[in-house]
Amino acid sequence: METFDADQLSHIQLLSKNILLRELDLELEGKTFNTHLMPINQMWTFQLTMGQLASGKGAQPFNTVQDYRNWLIRLQGCLNWMLSAKNMMKLGIKKGYVLPKSLIIKVLPQL
């Protein structure tokens, strides 16, 4: 991106270039933050997806006995993920990566 001469770009092209560079810089900066040590949050996380799937009214309806059996298999995967999340959060606590209490309080009813 730096090889594009700003003088040769239109106003819109220059604006697009600057926006893209900013977004890339933010993305790279975000990669240095250890989000894997905070695998659970109140907005976009696995416990919300599992709750939606458990309703049986979404992408995985419960129409047959096999659907319920498949769900039990998925639940085992969920339990494995929860154990992994717990271990990552313990490591996060040791390294100082934790969500604020006000956000975690919102997660508890979701779990």
C-alpha atoms as a PDB file:
ATOM      1  CA  MET A   1       0.000   0.000   0.000  1.00  0.00           C
ATOM      2  CA  GLU A   2       2.860   2.350   0.748  1.00  0.00           C
ATOM      3  CA  THR A   3       4.067   2.077  -2.852  1.00  0.00           C
ATOM      4  CA  PHE A   4       0.955   3.876  -4.139  1.00  0.00           C
ATOM      5  CA  ASP A   5       1.835   7.529  -4.655  1.00  0.00           C
ATOM      6  CA  ALA A   6      -0.761   9.682  -2.880  1.00  0.00           C
ATOM      7  CA  ASP A   7      -0.384  12.356  -5.560  1.00  0.00           C
ATOM      8  CA  GLN A   8      -1.508   9.876  -8.214  1.00  0.00           C
ATOM      9  CA  LEU A   9      -4.676   8.835  -6.374  1.00  0.00           C
ATOM     10  CA  SER A  10      -8.069  10.465  -6.499  1.00  0.00           C
ATOM     11  CA  HIS A  11      -9.576  11.788  -3.292  1.00  0.00           C
ATOM     12  CA  ILE A  12     -11.745   8.657  -2.950  1.00  0.00           C
ATOM     13  CA  GLN A  13      -8.815   6.327  -3.685  1.00  0.00           C
ATOM     14  CA  LEU A  14      -6.648   8.104  -1.127  1.00  0.00           C
ATOM     15  CA  LEU A  15      -9.409   7.905   1.445  1.00  0.00           C
ATOM     16  CA  SER A  16      -9.842   4.174   0.721  1.00  0.00           C
ATOM     17  CA  LYS A  17      -6.086   3.626   1.029  1.00  0.00           C
ATOM     18  CA  ASN A  18      -5.929   5.440   4.358  1.00  0.00           C
ATOM     19  CA  ILE A  19      -8.923   3.552   5.741  1.00  0.00           C
ATOM     20  CA  LEU A  20      -7.449   0.219   4.674  1.00  0.00           C
ATOM     21  CA  LEU A  21      -4.067   1.055   6.205  1.00  0.00           C
ATOM     22  CA  ARG A  22      -5.736   2.061   9.467  1.00  0.00           C
ATOM     23  CA  GLU A  23      -7.803  -1.122   9.560  1.00  0.00           C
ATOM     24  CA  LEU A  24      -4.720  -3.243   8.895  1.00  0.00           C
ATOM     25  CA  ASP A  25      -2.755  -1.442  11.617  1.00  0.00           C
ATOM     26  CA  LEU A  26      -5.592  -2.000  14.099  1.00  0.00           C
ATOM     27  CA  GLU A  27      -5.827  -5.664  13.126  1.00  0.00           C
ATOM     28  CA  LEU A  28      -2.085  -6.153  13.623  1.00  0.00           C
ATOM     29  CA  GLU A  29      -2.213  -4.348  16.953  1.00  0.00           C
ATOM     30  CA  GLY A  30      -5.102  -6.566  18.032  1.00  0.00           C
ATOM     31  CA  LYS A  31      -3.068  -9.679  17.262  1.00  0.00           C
ATOM     32  CA  THR A  32      -0.743  -8.780  20.131  1.00  0.00           C
ATOM     33  CA  PHE A  33      -3.606  -8.922  22.631  1.00  0.00           C
ATOM     34  CA  ASN A  34      -4.091 -12.372  24.171  1.00  0.00           C
ATOM     35  CA  THR A  35      -7.823 -12.759  23.573  1.00  0.00           C
ATOM     36  CA  HIS A  36      -7.457 -16.543  23.762  1.00  0.00           C
ATOM     37  CA  LEU A  37      -6.957 -16.051  27.508  1.00  0.00           C
ATOM     38  CA  MET A  38     -10.479 -14.593  27.686  1.00  0.00           C
ATOM     39  CA  PRO A  39     -12.495 -17.137  25.674  1.00  0.00           C
ATOM     40  CA  ILE A  40     -15.846 -16.216  27.247  1.00  0.00           C
ATOM     41  CA  ASN A  41     -17.533 -12.850  26.927  1.00  0.00           C
ATOM     42  CA  GLN A  42     -21.055 -11.475  27.045  1.00  0.00           C
ATOM     43  CA  MET A  43     -21.518 -10.827  23.320  1.00  0.00           C
ATOM     44  CA  TRP A  44     -19.959 -13.288  20.858  1.00  0.00           C
ATOM     45  CA  THR A  45     -19.028 -16.550  22.423  1.00  0.00           C
ATOM     46  CA  PHE A  46     -19.783 -20.230  22.427  1.00  0.00           C
ATOM     47  CA  GLN A  47     -22.274 -20.310  25.304  1.00  0.00           C
ATOM     48  CA  LEU A  48     -24.628 -18.070  23.321  1.00  0.00           C
ATOM     49  CA  THR A  49     -24.407 -20.245  20.226  1.00  0.00           C
ATOM     50  CA  MET A  50     -25.061 -23.384  22.239  1.00  0.00           C
ATOM     51  CA  GLY A  51     -28.104 -21.804  23.849  1.00  0.00           C
ATOM     52  CA  GLN A  52     -29.514 -20.913  20.455  1.00  0.00           C
ATOM     53  CA  LEU A  53     -28.862 -24.384  19.071  1.00  0.00           C
ATOM     54  CA  ALA A  54     -30.378 -25.999  22.165  1.00  0.00           C
ATOM     55  CA  SER A  55     -33.721 -24.389  21.374  1.00  0.00           C
ATOM     56  CA  GLY A  56     -34.151 -26.795  18.474  1.00  0.00           C
ATOM     57  CA  LYS A  57     -35.673 -23.983  16.443  1.00  0.00           C
ATOM     58  CA  GLY A  58     -32.584 -22.860  14.548  1.00  0.00           C
ATOM     59  CA  ALA A  59     -30.095 -24.502  12.238  1.00  0.00           C
ATOM     60  CA  GLN A  60     -30.363 -27.834  14.061  1.00  0.00           C
ATOM     61  CA  PRO A  61     -34.017 -28.662  14.705  1.00  0.00           C
ATOM     62  CA  PHE A  62     -34.949 -31.648  16.839  1.00  0.00           C
ATOM     63  CA  ASN A  63     -37.268 -33.578  14.552  1.00  0.00           C
ATOM     64  CA  THR A  64     -36.056 -37.123  15.101  1.00  0.00           C
ATOM     65  CA  VAL A  65     -34.535 -39.282  17.796  1.00  0.00           C
ATOM     66  CA  GLN A  66     -31.280 -39.119  15.830  1.00  0.00           C
ATOM     67  CA  ASP A  67     -31.365 -35.324  16.059  1.00  0.00           C
ATOM     68  CA  TYR A  68     -31.411 -35.633  19.859  1.00  0.00           C
ATOM     69  CA  ARG A  69     -28.592 -38.188  19.796  1.00  0.00           C
ATOM     70  CA  ASN A  70     -26.533 -35.890  17.605  1.00  0.00           C
ATOM     71  CA  TRP A  71     -27.211 -33.089  20.066  1.00  0.00           C
ATOM     72  CA  LEU A  72     -25.833 -35.168  22.941  1.00  0.00           C
ATOM     73  CA  ILE A  73     -22.633 -35.683  20.951  1.00  0.00           C
ATOM     74  CA  ARG A  74     -22.388 -31.928  20.366  1.00  0.00           C
ATOM     75  CA  LEU A  75     -22.910 -31.318  24.065  1.00  0.00           C
ATOM     76  CA  GLN A  76     -19.860 -33.446  24.828  1.00  0.00           C
ATOM     77  CA  GLY A  77     -17.886 -31.183  22.506  1.00  0.00           C
ATOM     78  CA  CYS A  78     -19.305 -28.188  24.361  1.00  0.00           C
ATOM     79  CA  LEU A  79     -18.175 -29.620  27.691  1.00  0.00           C
ATOM     80  CA  ASN A  80     -14.694 -30.157  26.259  1.00  0.00           C
ATOM     81  CA  TRP A  81     -14.640 -26.542  25.055  1.00  0.00           C
ATOM     82  CA  MET A  82     -15.794 -25.298  28.477  1.00  0.00           C
ATOM     83  CA  LEU A  83     -12.954 -27.169  30.180  1.00  0.00           C
ATOM     84  CA  SER A  84     -10.483 -25.667  27.720  1.00  0.00           C
ATOM     85  CA  ALA A  85     -11.992 -22.201  28.299  1.00  0.00           C
ATOM     86  CA  LYS A  86     -11.666 -22.663  32.059  1.00  0.00           C
ATOM     87  CA  ASN A  87      -7.991 -23.570  31.699  1.00  0.00           C
ATOM     88  CA  MET A  88      -7.339 -20.575  29.441  1.00  0.00           C
ATOM     89  CA  MET A  89      -9.094 -18.242  31.883  1.00  0.00           C
ATOM     90  CA  LYS A  90      -6.986 -19.556  34.769  1.00  0.00           C
ATOM     91  CA  LEU A  91      -3.880 -18.823  32.725  1.00  0.00           C
ATOM     92  CA  GLY A  92      -5.339 -15.420  31.863  1.00  0.00           C
ATOM     93  CA  ILE A  93      -5.811 -14.631  35.550  1.00  0.00           C
ATOM     94  CA  LYS A  94      -2.157 -15.452  36.196  1.00  0.00           C
ATOM     95  CA  LYS A  95      -1.078 -13.180  33.321  1.00  0.00           C
ATOM     96  CA  GLY A  96      -3.506 -10.371  34.119  1.00  0.00           C
ATOM     97  CA  TYR A  97      -5.922 -10.889  31.225  1.00  0.00           C
ATOM     98  CA  VAL A  98      -9.439 -10.802  32.632  1.00  0.00           C
ATOM     99  CA  LEU A  99     -12.704  -9.192  31.663  1.00  0.00           C
ATOM    100  CA  PRO A 100     -14.116  -6.507  33.930  1.00  0.00           C
ATOM    101  CA  LYS A 101     -16.421  -7.744  36.679  1.00  0.00           C
ATOM    102  CA  SER A 102     -19.339  -5.791  35.182  1.00  0.00           C
ATOM    103  CA  LEU A 103     -19.105  -7.895  32.003  1.00  0.00           C
ATOM    104  CA  ILE A 104     -18.580 -11.238  33.704  1.00  0.00           C
ATOM    105  CA  ILE A 105     -21.706 -10.652  35.783  1.00  0.00           C
ATOM    106  CA  LYS A 106     -23.654 -10.571  32.486  1.00  0.00           C
ATOM    107  CA  VAL A 107     -22.100 -13.869  31.390  1.00  0.00           C
ATOM    108  CA  LEU A 108     -23.187 -15.858  34.449  1.00  0.00           C
ATOM    109  CA  PRO A 109     -26.897 -16.097  33.512  1.00  0.00           C
ATOM    110  CA  GLN A 110     -25.890 -17.079  29.968  1.00  0.00           C
ATOM    111  CA  LEU A 111     -23.876 -19.982  31.275  1.00  0.00           C
END
